[in-house]
PDB file of N, CA and C in Angstrom:
ATOM      1  N   MET A   1      33.801  32.630  -6.722  1.00  0.00           N
ATOM      2  CA  MET A   1      32.107  32.390  -6.367  1.00  0.00           C
ATOM      3  C   MET A   1      32.095  31.355  -5.145  1.00  0.00           C
ATOM      4  N   ASN A   2      31.836  31.886  -4.113  1.00  0.00           N
ATOM      5  CA  ASN A   2      31.348  30.887  -2.801  1.00  0.00           C
ATOM      6  C   ASN A   2      29.902  31.150  -2.598  1.00  0.00           C
ATOM      7  N   ILE A   3      29.490  29.569  -2.604  1.00  0.00           N
ATOM      8  CA  ILE A   3      27.913  29.318  -2.369  1.00  0.00           C
ATOM      9  C   ILE A   3      27.751  29.420  -0.886  1.00  0.00           C
ATOM     10  N   GLN A   4      27.064  30.349  -0.390  1.00  0.00           N
ATOM     11  CA  GLN A   4      26.671  30.456   1.732  1.00  0.00           C
ATOM     12  C   GLN A   4      25.474  29.300   1.627  1.00  0.00           C
ATOM     13  N   SER A   5      24.433  28.671   0.940  1.00  0.00           N
ATOM     14  CA  SER A   5      23.931  27.628   0.768  1.00  0.00           C
ATOM     15  C   SER A   5      23.505  27.179  -0.381  1.00  0.00           C
ATOM     16  N   SER A   6      22.998  25.935  -0.294  1.00  0.00           N
ATOM     17  CA  SER A   6      22.411  25.634  -1.587  1.00  0.00           C
ATOM     18  C   SER A   6      21.493  24.205  -1.332  1.00  0.00           C
ATOM     19  N   TYR A   7      20.466  24.062  -1.825  1.00  0.00           N
ATOM     20  CA  TYR A   7      19.246  23.058  -1.947  1.00  0.00           C
ATOM     21  C   TYR A   7      18.899  22.661  -2.996  1.00  0.00           C
ATOM     22  N   ILE A   8      18.051  21.248  -2.634  1.00  0.00           N
ATOM     23  CA  ILE A   8      17.373  20.454  -3.579  1.00  0.00           C
ATOM     24  C   ILE A   8      16.190  20.943  -3.472  1.00  0.00           C
ATOM     25  N   PHE A   9      14.919  20.945  -4.013  1.00  0.00           N
ATOM     26  CA  PHE A   9      13.692  21.109  -3.267  1.00  0.00           C
ATOM     27  C   PHE A   9      12.504  20.106  -4.466  1.00  0.00           C
ATOM     28  N   LEU A  10      12.168  19.696  -4.247  1.00  0.00           N
ATOM     29  CA  LEU A  10      10.825  18.909  -4.742  1.00  0.00           C
ATOM     30  C   LEU A  10       9.473  19.593  -4.023  1.00  0.00           C
ATOM     31  N   ARG A  11       8.140  20.021  -4.930  1.00  0.00           N
ATOM     32  CA  ARG A  11       7.451  20.948  -4.277  1.00  0.00           C
ATOM     33  C   ARG A  11       5.943  20.223  -4.587  1.00  0.00           C
ATOM     34  N   ASN A  12       5.461  20.101  -3.588  1.00  0.00           N
ATOM     35  CA  ASN A  12       3.788  19.412  -4.102  1.00  0.00           C
ATOM     36  C   ASN A  12       3.994  18.083  -4.577  1.00  0.00           C
ATOM     37  N   LEU A  13       4.343  17.289  -4.461  1.00  0.00           N
ATOM     38  CA  LEU A  13       4.242  15.681  -4.888  1.00  0.00           C
ATOM     39  C   LEU A  13       3.156  15.367  -4.485  1.00  0.00           C
ATOM     40  N   ARG A  14       2.520  14.442  -5.087  1.00  0.00           N
ATOM     41  CA  ARG A  14       1.007  14.360  -4.722  1.00  0.00           C
ATOM     42  C   ARG A  14       1.120  13.018  -4.399  1.00  0.00           C
ATOM     43  N   PHE A  15      -0.023  12.416  -3.658  1.00  0.00           N
ATOM     44  CA  PHE A  15      -0.143  10.789  -2.898  1.00  0.00           C
ATOM     45  C   PHE A  15      -1.498  10.381  -2.851  1.00  0.00           C
ATOM     46  N   HIS A  16      -2.015   9.479  -3.075  1.00  0.00           N
ATOM     47  CA  HIS A  16      -3.118   8.947  -2.559  1.00  0.00           C
ATOM     48  C   HIS A  16      -2.629   8.167  -1.567  1.00  0.00           C
ATOM     49  N   ALA A  17      -2.730   7.882  -0.159  1.00  0.00           N
ATOM     50  CA  ALA A  17      -2.610   7.238   0.903  1.00  0.00           C
ATOM     51  C   ALA A  17      -2.879   6.930   1.924  1.00  0.00           C
ATOM     52  N   SER A  18      -2.641   5.859   3.034  1.00  0.00           N
ATOM     53  CA  SER A  18      -3.988   5.451   3.894  1.00  0.00           C
ATOM     54  C   SER A  18      -3.521   5.831   5.248  1.00  0.00           C
ATOM     55  N   HIS A  19      -3.221   6.936   5.290  1.00  0.00           N
ATOM     56  CA  HIS A  19      -2.657   7.383   6.931  1.00  0.00           C
ATOM     57  C   HIS A  19      -3.838   8.072   7.760  1.00  0.00           C
ATOM     58  N   GLY A  20      -3.685   7.779   8.931  1.00  0.00           N
ATOM     59  CA  GLY A  20      -4.934   8.081   9.534  1.00  0.00           C
ATOM     60  C   GLY A  20      -5.211   7.365  10.763  1.00  0.00           C
ATOM     61  N   VAL A  21      -5.954   7.851  11.808  1.00  0.00           N
ATOM     62  CA  VAL A  21      -6.139   7.542  12.997  1.00  0.00           C
ATOM     63  C   VAL A  21      -7.396   6.670  12.937  1.00  0.00           C
ATOM     64  N   LEU A  22      -8.656   7.432  12.133  1.00  0.00           N
ATOM     65  CA  LEU A  22      -9.842   6.353  11.834  1.00  0.00           C
ATOM     66  C   LEU A  22     -10.331   5.782  10.831  1.00  0.00           C
ATOM     67  N   PRO A  23     -10.822   4.682  11.422  1.00  0.00           N
ATOM     68  CA  PRO A  23     -10.746   3.559  10.479  1.00  0.00           C
ATOM     69  C   PRO A  23     -10.913   3.443   9.020  1.00  0.00           C
ATOM     70  N   GLN A  24     -11.678   4.387   8.933  1.00  0.00           N
ATOM     71  CA  GLN A  24     -12.204   4.900   7.244  1.00  0.00           C
ATOM     72  C   GLN A  24     -11.100   5.541   6.415  1.00  0.00           C
ATOM     73  N   GLU A  25     -10.134   5.988   7.207  1.00  0.00           N
ATOM     74  CA  GLU A  25      -9.069   6.832   6.492  1.00  0.00           C
ATOM     75  C   GLU A  25      -8.065   5.514   5.605  1.00  0.00           C
ATOM     76  N   ARG A  26      -8.095   4.456   6.848  1.00  0.00           N
ATOM     77  CA  ARG A  26      -7.476   3.325   6.580  1.00  0.00           C
ATOM     78  C   ARG A  26      -8.273   2.501   5.208  1.00  0.00           C
ATOM     79  N   VAL A  27      -9.155   2.542   5.102  1.00  0.00           N
ATOM     80  CA  VAL A  27     -10.096   2.217   4.341  1.00  0.00           C
ATOM     81  C   VAL A  27      -9.882   2.685   2.591  1.00  0.00           C
ATOM     82  N   THR A  28     -10.802   4.109   2.963  1.00  0.00           N
ATOM     83  CA  THR A  28     -10.787   4.829   1.956  1.00  0.00           C
ATOM     84  C   THR A  28      -9.658   5.970   1.035  1.00  0.00           C
ATOM     85  N   GLY A  29      -8.833   6.057   2.363  1.00  0.00           N
ATOM     86  CA  GLY A  29      -7.055   7.071   2.525  1.00  0.00           C
ATOM     87  C   GLY A  29      -7.518   8.033   2.004  1.00  0.00           C
ATOM     88  N   ASN A  30      -6.719   9.095   1.683  1.00  0.00           N
ATOM     89  CA  ASN A  30      -6.662  10.437   1.257  1.00  0.00           C
ATOM     90  C   ASN A  30      -5.815  10.721   0.287  1.00  0.00           C
ATOM     91  N   ASP A  31      -5.808  12.043   0.016  1.00  0.00           N
ATOM     92  CA  ASP A  31      -5.017  12.760  -0.599  1.00  0.00           C
ATOM     93  C   ASP A  31      -3.737  13.624   0.164  1.00  0.00           C
ATOM     94  N   TYR A  32      -2.838  13.375  -0.742  1.00  0.00           N
ATOM     95  CA  TYR A  32      -1.712  14.045   0.547  1.00  0.00           C
ATOM     96  C   TYR A  32      -0.824  15.001  -0.238  1.00  0.00           C
ATOM     97  N   GLU A  33       0.110  16.108   0.032  1.00  0.00           N
ATOM     98  CA  GLU A  33       1.039  17.138  -0.507  1.00  0.00           C
ATOM     99  C   GLU A  33       2.285  16.762  -0.060  1.00  0.00           C
ATOM    100  N   VAL A  34       3.875  16.310  -0.503  1.00  0.00           N
ATOM    101  CA  VAL A  34       4.656  16.747   0.185  1.00  0.00           C
ATOM    102  C   VAL A  34       5.317  17.367  -0.542  1.00  0.00           C
ATOM    103  N   SER A  35       6.197  18.565   0.104  1.00  0.00           N
ATOM    104  CA  SER A  35       7.425  19.073  -0.175  1.00  0.00           C
ATOM    105  C   SER A  35       8.565  18.843   0.502  1.00  0.00           C
ATOM    106  N   LEU A  36       9.661  19.088   0.127  1.00  0.00           N
ATOM    107  CA  LEU A  36      10.975  19.235   0.502  1.00  0.00           C
ATOM    108  C   LEU A  36      11.728  20.107  -0.057  1.00  0.00           C
ATOM    109  N   ARG A  37      12.979  20.594   0.637  1.00  0.00           N
ATOM    110  CA  ARG A  37      13.833  21.693   0.868  1.00  0.00           C
ATOM    111  C   ARG A  37      14.779  20.683   1.517  1.00  0.00           C
ATOM    112  N   ILE A  38      16.022  20.427   0.867  1.00  0.00           N
ATOM    113  CA  ILE A  38      17.488  19.613   1.376  1.00  0.00           C
ATOM    114  C   ILE A  38      18.202  20.087   0.999  1.00  0.00           C
ATOM    115  N   GLY A  39      18.730  20.411   2.242  1.00  0.00           N
ATOM    116  CA  GLY A  39      20.384  21.335   2.246  1.00  0.00           C
ATOM    117  C   GLY A  39      21.386  20.407   1.822  1.00  0.00           C
ATOM    118  N   TYR A  40      21.971  20.600   0.801  1.00  0.00           N
ATOM    119  CA  TYR A  40      22.878  19.880   0.276  1.00  0.00           C
ATOM    120  C   TYR A  40      24.023  20.852  -0.709  1.00  0.00           C
ATOM    121  N   ASP A  41      25.481  20.100  -0.748  1.00  0.00           N
ATOM    122  CA  ASP A  41      26.249  21.135  -1.824  1.00  0.00           C
ATOM    123  C   ASP A  41      26.648  21.036  -3.122  1.00  0.00           C
ATOM    124  N   LEU A  42      25.935  21.964  -3.497  1.00  0.00           N
ATOM    125  CA  LEU A  42      25.865  21.847  -5.125  1.00  0.00           C
ATOM    126  C   LEU A  42      26.863  21.926  -5.577  1.00  0.00           C
ATOM    127  N   GLY A  43      28.285  22.429  -5.092  1.00  0.00           N
ATOM    128  CA  GLY A  43      29.097  23.063  -5.265  1.00  0.00           C
ATOM    129  C   GLY A  43      29.763  22.972  -6.868  1.00  0.00           C
ATOM    130  N   ARG A  44      30.092  21.220  -6.358  1.00  0.00           N
ATOM    131  CA  ARG A  44      30.926  20.152  -7.170  1.00  0.00           C
ATOM    132  C   ARG A  44      29.964  20.140  -8.960  1.00  0.00           C
ATOM    133  N   ALA A  45      28.251  20.047  -8.510  1.00  0.00           N
ATOM    134  CA  ALA A  45      27.325  19.462 -10.051  1.00  0.00           C
ATOM    135  C   ALA A  45      27.326  20.690 -10.858  1.00  0.00           C
ATOM    136  N   MET A  46      27.398  22.095 -10.106  1.00  0.00           N
ATOM    137  CA  MET A  46      27.948  23.135 -10.884  1.00  0.00           C
ATOM    138  C   MET A  46      28.602  22.987 -11.584  1.00  0.00           C
ATOM    139  N   ARG A  47      29.862  22.506 -11.168  1.00  0.00           N
ATOM    140  CA  ARG A  47      31.077  22.879 -12.228  1.00  0.00           C
ATOM    141  C   ARG A  47      30.834  21.617 -13.153  1.00  0.00           C
ATOM    142  N   THR A  48      30.803  20.404 -13.067  1.00  0.00           N
ATOM    143  CA  THR A  48      30.809  19.120 -13.516  1.00  0.00           C
ATOM    144  C   THR A  48      29.801  18.997 -14.443  1.00  0.00           C
ATOM    145  N   ASP A  49      28.364  19.126 -14.285  1.00  0.00           N
ATOM    146  CA  ASP A  49      27.137  18.857 -15.130  1.00  0.00           C
ATOM    147  C   ASP A  49      26.902  17.486 -15.222  1.00  0.00           C
ATOM    148  N   ASP A  50      27.866  17.117 -13.760  1.00  0.00           N
ATOM    149  CA  ASP A  50      27.235  15.626 -13.803  1.00  0.00           C
ATOM    150  C   ASP A  50      26.338  14.956 -12.479  1.00  0.00           C
ATOM    151  N   VAL A  51      25.087  14.546 -13.014  1.00  0.00           N
ATOM    152  CA  VAL A  51      24.067  14.146 -11.841  1.00  0.00           C
ATOM    153  C   VAL A  51      24.510  13.123 -10.903  1.00  0.00           C
ATOM    154  N   ALA A  52      25.863  12.697 -10.967  1.00  0.00           N
ATOM    155  CA  ALA A  52      26.310  11.800  -9.699  1.00  0.00           C
ATOM    156  C   ALA A  52      26.861  12.707  -8.722  1.00  0.00           C
ATOM    157  N   ASP A  53      27.313  13.975  -8.844  1.00  0.00           N
ATOM    158  CA  ASP A  53      28.104  14.882  -8.209  1.00  0.00           C
ATOM    159  C   ASP A  53      26.470  15.848  -7.447  1.00  0.00           C
ATOM    160  N   THR A  54      25.172  15.501  -7.619  1.00  0.00           N
ATOM    161  CA  THR A  54      24.211  15.901  -6.967  1.00  0.00           C
ATOM    162  C   THR A  54      23.504  14.990  -6.251  1.00  0.00           C
ATOM    163  N   LEU A  55      22.428  15.556  -5.624  1.00  0.00           N
ATOM    164  CA  LEU A  55      21.280  14.453  -4.871  1.00  0.00           C
ATOM    165  C   LEU A  55      20.212  14.412  -6.349  1.00  0.00           C
ATOM    166  N   ASN A  56      20.143  13.612  -6.548  1.00  0.00           N
ATOM    167  CA  ASN A  56      19.087  13.136  -8.068  1.00  0.00           C
ATOM    168  C   ASN A  56      17.546  13.296  -7.323  1.00  0.00           C
ATOM    169  N   TYR A  57      16.758  13.799  -7.422  1.00  0.00           N
ATOM    170  CA  TYR A  57      15.685  14.107  -7.011  1.00  0.00           C
ATOM    171  C   TYR A  57      14.654  12.838  -7.803  1.00  0.00           C
ATOM    172  N   ALA A  58      15.243  12.188  -8.994  1.00  0.00           N
ATOM    173  CA  ALA A  58      13.839  11.356  -9.010  1.00  0.00           C
ATOM    174  C   ALA A  58      14.120  10.387  -7.867  1.00  0.00           C
ATOM    175  N   ASP A  59      15.623  10.194  -6.905  1.00  0.00           N
ATOM    176  CA  ASP A  59      15.743   9.227  -6.303  1.00  0.00           C
ATOM    177  C   ASP A  59      15.019   9.500  -5.125  1.00  0.00           C
ATOM    178  N   VAL A  60      15.396  10.674  -4.709  1.00  0.00           N
ATOM    179  CA  VAL A  60      14.644  11.525  -3.270  1.00  0.00           C
ATOM    180  C   VAL A  60      12.839  11.096  -3.716  1.00  0.00           C
ATOM    181  N   TYR A  61      12.231  11.659  -4.869  1.00  0.00           N
ATOM    182  CA  TYR A  61      11.244  10.961  -5.105  1.00  0.00           C
ATOM    183  C   TYR A  61      10.735   9.396  -4.770  1.00  0.00           C
ATOM    184  N   ARG A  62      11.581   8.421  -5.274  1.00  0.00           N
ATOM    185  CA  ARG A  62      10.796   7.343  -5.308  1.00  0.00           C
ATOM    186  C   ARG A  62      11.137   7.061  -3.680  1.00  0.00           C
ATOM    187  N   LEU A  63      12.095   7.479  -2.696  1.00  0.00           N
ATOM    188  CA  LEU A  63      12.328   7.417  -1.197  1.00  0.00           C
ATOM    189  C   LEU A  63      10.912   7.996  -0.819  1.00  0.00           C
ATOM    190  N   VAL A  64      10.767   9.152  -1.018  1.00  0.00           N
ATOM    191  CA  VAL A  64       9.218   9.545  -0.532  1.00  0.00           C
ATOM    192  C   VAL A  64       7.817   8.816  -0.975  1.00  0.00           C
ATOM    193  N   GLU A  65       8.054   8.372  -1.837  1.00  0.00           N
ATOM    194  CA  GLU A  65       7.029   7.419  -2.491  1.00  0.00           C
ATOM    195  C   GLU A  65       6.639   6.151  -1.887  1.00  0.00           C
ATOM    196  N   GLN A  66       7.866   5.491  -1.325  1.00  0.00           N
ATOM    197  CA  GLN A  66       7.958   4.295  -0.652  1.00  0.00           C
ATOM    198  C   GLN A  66       7.347   4.681   0.888  1.00  0.00           C
ATOM    199  N   GLU A  67       7.827   5.635   1.576  1.00  0.00           N
ATOM    200  CA  GLU A  67       7.203   6.024   2.745  1.00  0.00           C
ATOM    201  C   GLU A  67       5.836   6.156   3.001  1.00  0.00           C
ATOM    202  N   MET A  68       5.318   6.941   1.642  1.00  0.00           N
ATOM    203  CA  MET A  68       4.151   7.263   1.817  1.00  0.00           C
ATOM    204  C   MET A  68       2.860   6.018   1.916  1.00  0.00           C
ATOM    205  N   SER A  69       3.789   4.968   0.973  1.00  0.00           N
ATOM    206  CA  SER A  69       3.000   3.612   0.398  1.00  0.00           C
ATOM    207  C   SER A  69       2.542   2.856   2.115  1.00  0.00           C
ATOM    208  N   VAL A  70       3.613   3.091   3.240  1.00  0.00           N
ATOM    209  CA  VAL A  70       3.604   2.653   4.088  1.00  0.00           C
ATOM    210  C   VAL A  70       2.579   3.372   5.315  1.00  0.00           C
ATOM    211  N   PRO A  71       1.007   2.584   6.045  1.00  0.00           N
ATOM    212  CA  PRO A  71       0.055   3.543   6.334  1.00  0.00           C
ATOM    213  C   PRO A  71       0.565   3.296   8.098  1.00  0.00           C
ATOM    214  N   ALA A  72       0.340   4.509   8.372  1.00  0.00           N
ATOM    215  CA  ALA A  72       0.584   5.417   9.927  1.00  0.00           C
ATOM    216  C   ALA A  72      -0.583   5.982  10.161  1.00  0.00           C
ATOM    217  N   ASN A  73      -0.957   5.787  11.790  1.00  0.00           N
ATOM    218  CA  ASN A  73      -1.895   6.773  12.226  1.00  0.00           C
ATOM    219  C   ASN A  73      -1.654   8.181  12.297  1.00  0.00           C
ATOM    220  N   LEU A  74      -0.176   8.730  12.070  1.00  0.00           N
ATOM    221  CA  LEU A  74      -0.084  10.267  12.507  1.00  0.00           C
ATOM    222  C   LEU A  74       0.958  10.196  11.240  1.00  0.00           C
ATOM    223  N   LEU A  75       0.770  11.829  10.689  1.00  0.00           N
ATOM    224  CA  LEU A  75       1.648  12.468   9.683  1.00  0.00           C
ATOM    225  C   LEU A  75       2.924  12.446  10.181  1.00  0.00           C
ATOM    226  N   GLU A  76       2.911  12.904  11.548  1.00  0.00           N
ATOM    227  CA  GLU A  76       3.861  13.133  12.663  1.00  0.00           C
ATOM    228  C   GLU A  76       5.197  11.888  11.913  1.00  0.00           C
ATOM    229  N   ARG A  77       4.172  10.650  12.356  1.00  0.00           N
ATOM    230  CA  ARG A  77       5.286   9.292  12.246  1.00  0.00           C
ATOM    231  C   ARG A  77       6.309   9.438  10.897  1.00  0.00           C
ATOM    232  N   VAL A  78       5.097   9.544   9.511  1.00  0.00           N
ATOM    233  CA  VAL A  78       5.131   9.220   8.288  1.00  0.00           C
ATOM    234  C   VAL A  78       6.523  10.444   7.900  1.00  0.00           C
ATOM    235  N   ALA A  79       6.090  11.669   8.756  1.00  0.00           N
ATOM    236  CA  ALA A  79       7.325  12.841   7.913  1.00  0.00           C
ATOM    237  C   ALA A  79       8.797  12.007   8.707  1.00  0.00           C
ATOM    238  N   CYS A  80       8.867  11.569  10.194  1.00  0.00           N
ATOM    239  CA  CYS A  80       9.648  11.855  10.676  1.00  0.00           C
ATOM    240  C   CYS A  80      10.891  10.063   9.936  1.00  0.00           C
ATOM    241  N   ARG A  81       9.760   9.146   9.432  1.00  0.00           N
ATOM    242  CA  ARG A  81      10.226   8.081   8.770  1.00  0.00           C
ATOM    243  C   ARG A  81      10.763   8.629   7.862  1.00  0.00           C
ATOM    244  N   MET A  82      10.417   9.788   6.413  1.00  0.00           N
ATOM    245  CA  MET A  82      10.915   9.831   6.073  1.00  0.00           C
ATOM    246  C   MET A  82      12.052  10.937   6.124  1.00  0.00           C
ATOM    247  N   ALA A  83      12.421  11.495   6.878  1.00  0.00           N
ATOM    248  CA  ALA A  83      13.501  12.400   7.298  1.00  0.00           C
ATOM    249  C   ALA A  83      14.638  11.406   7.688  1.00  0.00           C
ATOM    250  N   GLU A  84      14.330   9.864   8.934  1.00  0.00           N
ATOM    251  CA  GLU A  84      15.539   9.485   9.003  1.00  0.00           C
ATOM    252  C   GLU A  84      15.846   8.913   7.609  1.00  0.00           C
ATOM    253  N   ARG A  85      15.093   8.369   6.750  1.00  0.00           N
ATOM    254  CA  ARG A  85      15.435   7.670   5.835  1.00  0.00           C
ATOM    255  C   ARG A  85      16.376   8.562   4.750  1.00  0.00           C
ATOM    256  N   LEU A  86      15.814   9.904   4.696  1.00  0.00           N
ATOM    257  CA  LEU A  86      16.877  10.635   4.139  1.00  0.00           C
ATOM    258  C   LEU A  86      18.169  10.502   4.295  1.00  0.00           C
ATOM    259  N   PHE A  87      18.149  10.876   5.523  1.00  0.00           N
ATOM    260  CA  PHE A  87      19.641  11.105   6.399  1.00  0.00           C
ATOM    261  C   PHE A  87      20.545  10.485   6.487  1.00  0.00           C
ATOM    262  N   ARG A  88      19.982   8.869   6.502  1.00  0.00           N
ATOM    263  CA  ARG A  88      20.646   7.606   6.604  1.00  0.00           C
ATOM    264  C   ARG A  88      20.957   7.478   5.509  1.00  0.00           C
ATOM    265  N   THR A  89      19.880   7.502   3.640  1.00  0.00           N
ATOM    266  CA  THR A  89      20.866   7.204   2.561  1.00  0.00           C
ATOM    267  C   THR A  89      21.319   7.960   1.953  1.00  0.00           C
ATOM    268  N   TYR A  90      21.496   9.790   2.498  1.00  0.00           N
ATOM    269  CA  TYR A  90      21.951  10.607   1.949  1.00  0.00           C
ATOM    270  C   TYR A  90      23.078  11.413   3.202  1.00  0.00           C
ATOM    271  N   PRO A  91      24.326  10.574   3.257  1.00  0.00           N
ATOM    272  CA  PRO A  91      24.806  11.343   4.649  1.00  0.00           C
ATOM    273  C   PRO A  91      24.922  12.818   4.259  1.00  0.00           C
ATOM    274  N   ALA A  92      25.216  12.987   3.050  1.00  0.00           N
ATOM    275  CA  ALA A  92      26.040  14.197   3.107  1.00  0.00           C
ATOM    276  C   ALA A  92      24.613  15.521   3.080  1.00  0.00           C
ATOM    277  N   VAL A  93      23.422  14.982   3.180  1.00  0.00           N
ATOM    278  CA  VAL A  93      22.072  16.179   3.347  1.00  0.00           C
ATOM    279  C   VAL A  93      22.659  17.098   4.504  1.00  0.00           C
ATOM    280  N   THR A  94      22.872  17.915   4.674  1.00  0.00           N
ATOM    281  CA  THR A  94      22.847  18.945   5.788  1.00  0.00           C
ATOM    282  C   THR A  94      21.726  19.215   6.749  1.00  0.00           C
ATOM    283  N   SER A  95      20.321  19.495   5.847  1.00  0.00           N
ATOM    284  CA  SER A  95      19.246  20.212   6.280  1.00  0.00           C
ATOM    285  C   SER A  95      18.224  19.437   5.757  1.00  0.00           C
ATOM    286  N   LEU A  96      17.026  19.458   6.278  1.00  0.00           N
ATOM    287  CA  LEU A  96      15.855  19.173   5.829  1.00  0.00           C
ATOM    288  C   LEU A  96      14.907  20.020   6.098  1.00  0.00           C
ATOM    289  N   ASP A  97      14.047  20.644   5.149  1.00  0.00           N
ATOM    290  CA  ASP A  97      12.653  20.917   5.293  1.00  0.00           C
ATOM    291  C   ASP A  97      11.473  20.391   4.820  1.00  0.00           C
ATOM    292  N   LEU A  98      10.464  19.871   5.857  1.00  0.00           N
ATOM    293  CA  LEU A  98       9.800  18.828   5.309  1.00  0.00           C
ATOM    294  C   LEU A  98       8.062  18.941   5.458  1.00  0.00           C
ATOM    295  N   TRP A  99       7.117  19.587   4.342  1.00  0.00           N
ATOM    296  CA  TRP A  99       6.244  19.363   4.822  1.00  0.00           C
ATOM    297  C   TRP A  99       5.084  18.638   4.197  1.00  0.00           C
ATOM    298  N   LEU A 100       4.309  18.139   5.164  1.00  0.00           N
ATOM    299  CA  LEU A 100       3.183  16.852   4.830  1.00  0.00           C
ATOM    300  C   LEU A 100       1.750  17.057   5.088  1.00  0.00           C
ATOM    301  N   THR A 101       1.118  17.243   3.869  1.00  0.00           N
ATOM    302  CA  THR A 101      -0.716  17.924   4.128  1.00  0.00           C
ATOM    303  C   THR A 101      -1.337  16.895   3.797  1.00  0.00           C
ATOM    304  N   LYS A 102      -2.256  16.757   4.486  1.00  0.00           N
ATOM    305  CA  LYS A 102      -3.060  15.958   4.137  1.00  0.00           C
ATOM    306  C   LYS A 102      -4.499  16.932   3.636  1.00  0.00           C
ATOM    307  N   LEU A 103      -4.713  16.725   2.695  1.00  0.00           N
ATOM    308  CA  LEU A 103      -5.822  17.617   1.757  1.00  0.00           C
ATOM    309  C   LEU A 103      -7.032  17.679   2.038  1.00  0.00           C
ATOM    310  N   ASN A 104      -8.143  16.741   2.699  1.00  0.00           N
ATOM    311  CA  ASN A 104      -9.208  16.626   3.225  1.00  0.00           C
ATOM    312  C   ASN A 104      -9.103  15.992   4.091  1.00  0.00           C
ATOM    313  N   PRO A 105      -8.607  16.592   5.126  1.00  0.00           N
ATOM    314  CA  PRO A 105      -8.606  16.149   6.976  1.00  0.00           C
ATOM    315  C   PRO A 105      -9.878  16.285   7.275  1.00  0.00           C
ATOM    316  N   PRO A 106     -10.405  14.882   7.705  1.00  0.00           N
ATOM    317  CA  PRO A 106     -11.660  14.527   8.655  1.00  0.00           C
ATOM    318  C   PRO A 106     -12.062  15.653  10.032  1.00  0.00           C
ATOM    319  N   MET A 107     -12.186  16.624   9.839  1.00  0.00           N
ATOM    320  CA  MET A 107     -12.477  17.380  10.801  1.00  0.00           C
ATOM    321  C   MET A 107     -13.424  18.194  11.078  1.00  0.00           C
ATOM    322  N   GLY A 108     -14.505  18.019   9.550  1.00  0.00           N
ATOM    323  CA  GLY A 108     -15.702  18.994   9.312  1.00  0.00           C
ATOM    324  C   GLY A 108     -14.998  20.619   9.336  1.00  0.00           C
ATOM    325  N   ALA A 109     -14.199  20.677   8.529  1.00  0.00           N
ATOM    326  CA  ALA A 109     -13.952  22.347   8.472  1.00  0.00           C
ATOM    327  C   ALA A 109     -13.576  22.171   6.824  1.00  0.00           C
ATOM    328  N   ASP A 110     -13.892  23.653   6.185  1.00  0.00           N
ATOM    329  CA  ASP A 110     -13.327  23.841   5.039  1.00  0.00           C
ATOM    330  C   ASP A 110     -12.133  24.377   4.835  1.00  0.00           C
ATOM    331  N   ALA A 111     -11.137  23.615   4.500  1.00  0.00           N
ATOM    332  CA  ALA A 111      -9.849  23.859   4.176  1.00  0.00           C
ATOM    333  C   ALA A 111      -8.928  23.331   3.278  1.00  0.00           C
ATOM    334  N   ASP A 112      -7.913  23.991   3.268  1.00  0.00           N
ATOM    335  CA  ASP A 112      -6.819  23.356   2.136  1.00  0.00           C
ATOM    336  C   ASP A 112      -6.276  21.911   2.337  1.00  0.00           C
ATOM    337  N   GLY A 113      -6.510  22.101   3.770  1.00  0.00           N
ATOM    338  CA  GLY A 113      -5.400  20.629   4.533  1.00  0.00           C
ATOM    339  C   GLY A 113      -4.986  21.067   5.695  1.00  0.00           C
ATOM    340  N   ALA A 114      -4.521  19.908   6.064  1.00  0.00           N
ATOM    341  CA  ALA A 114      -3.795  20.086   7.375  1.00  0.00           C
ATOM    342  C   ALA A 114      -2.356  19.032   7.737  1.00  0.00           C
ATOM    343  N   GLY A 115      -1.613  18.976   8.586  1.00  0.00           N
ATOM    344  CA  GLY A 115      -0.466  18.763   8.649  1.00  0.00           C
ATOM    345  C   GLY A 115       0.906  19.046   9.388  1.00  0.00           C
ATOM    346  N   VAL A 116       1.965  18.401   9.264  1.00  0.00           N
ATOM    347  CA  VAL A 116       2.830  19.133   9.917  1.00  0.00           C
ATOM    348  C   VAL A 116       4.029  19.558   8.947  1.00  0.00           C
ATOM    349  N   GLU A 117       4.971  20.405   9.591  1.00  0.00           N
ATOM    350  CA  GLU A 117       6.165  20.660   8.918  1.00  0.00           C
ATOM    351  C   GLU A 117       7.008  20.504   9.945  1.00  0.00           C
ATOM    352  N   LEU A 118       8.507  20.232   9.619  1.00  0.00           N
ATOM    353  CA  LEU A 118       9.488  20.054   9.915  1.00  0.00           C
ATOM    354  C   LEU A 118      11.014  20.581   9.559  1.00  0.00           C
ATOM    355  N   HIS A 119      11.728  21.181  10.637  1.00  0.00           N
ATOM    356  CA  HIS A 119      13.123  21.539  10.009  1.00  0.00           C
ATOM    357  C   HIS A 119      14.303  20.977  10.831  1.00  0.00           C
ATOM    358  N   LEU A 120      14.693  20.368  10.062  1.00  0.00           N
ATOM    359  CA  LEU A 120      15.585  19.027  10.528  1.00  0.00           C
ATOM    360  C   LEU A 120      17.525  19.658  10.175  1.00  0.00           C
ATOM    361  N   ILE A 121      18.027  19.474  11.115  1.00  0.00           N
ATOM    362  CA  ILE A 121      19.495  19.459  10.584  1.00  0.00           C
ATOM    363  C   ILE A 121      20.014  17.999  10.951  1.00  0.00           C
ATOM    364  N   ASN A 122      20.645  18.138  10.030  1.00  0.00           N
ATOM    365  CA  ASN A 122      21.537  16.447  10.329  1.00  0.00           C
ATOM    366  C   ASN A 122      23.087  16.354  11.217  1.00  0.00           C
ATOM    367  N   ASP A 123      22.493  16.113  12.486  1.00  0.00           N
ATOM    368  CA  ASP A 123      23.923  16.065  13.156  1.00  0.00           C
ATOM    369  C   ASP A 123      25.244  15.015  12.873  1.00  0.00           C
ATOM    370  N   LYS A 124      24.657  14.569  12.043  1.00  0.00           N
ATOM    371  CA  LYS A 124      25.848  13.344  11.725  1.00  0.00           C
ATOM    372  C   LYS A 124      26.606  14.243  10.738  1.00  0.00           C
ATOM    373  N   THR A 125      26.516  15.267  10.035  1.00  0.00           N
ATOM    374  CA  THR A 125      27.596  15.860   9.161  1.00  0.00           C
ATOM    375  C   THR A 125      28.054  16.687   9.730  1.00  0.00           C
ATOM    376  N   ASP A 126      28.227  17.410  10.868  1.00  0.00           N
ATOM    377  CA  ASP A 126      29.081  18.265  11.742  1.00  0.00           C
ATOM    378  C   ASP A 126      30.690  17.669  12.012  1.00  0.00           C
TER     379      ASP A 126
END
């Protein structure tokens, strides 16, 4: 069996955080969702059944949680910090798809949210 590609994903992680340009956003905060699709070779873990041979999603969650707790003006910056830290912490990660959504954006619209979506390749794994 040959693996064409493999991923770890965390879907719709929920946080309350203080990101935003408006002063009130820094005071009251907002609710956010983060989803990740992380390219990672799962071949060894599939054979060994050992968590040491995979990307532990509990550890990834803690990393995302830490970055969400650091206020920023722009979601673009928060998403960039997460990506940089994931690639730095886990050099074997080959790619990252990241969605960061502000659930109640202050824009006067009835919406499910607004945010950023990144599709990144780890150029250090080439």
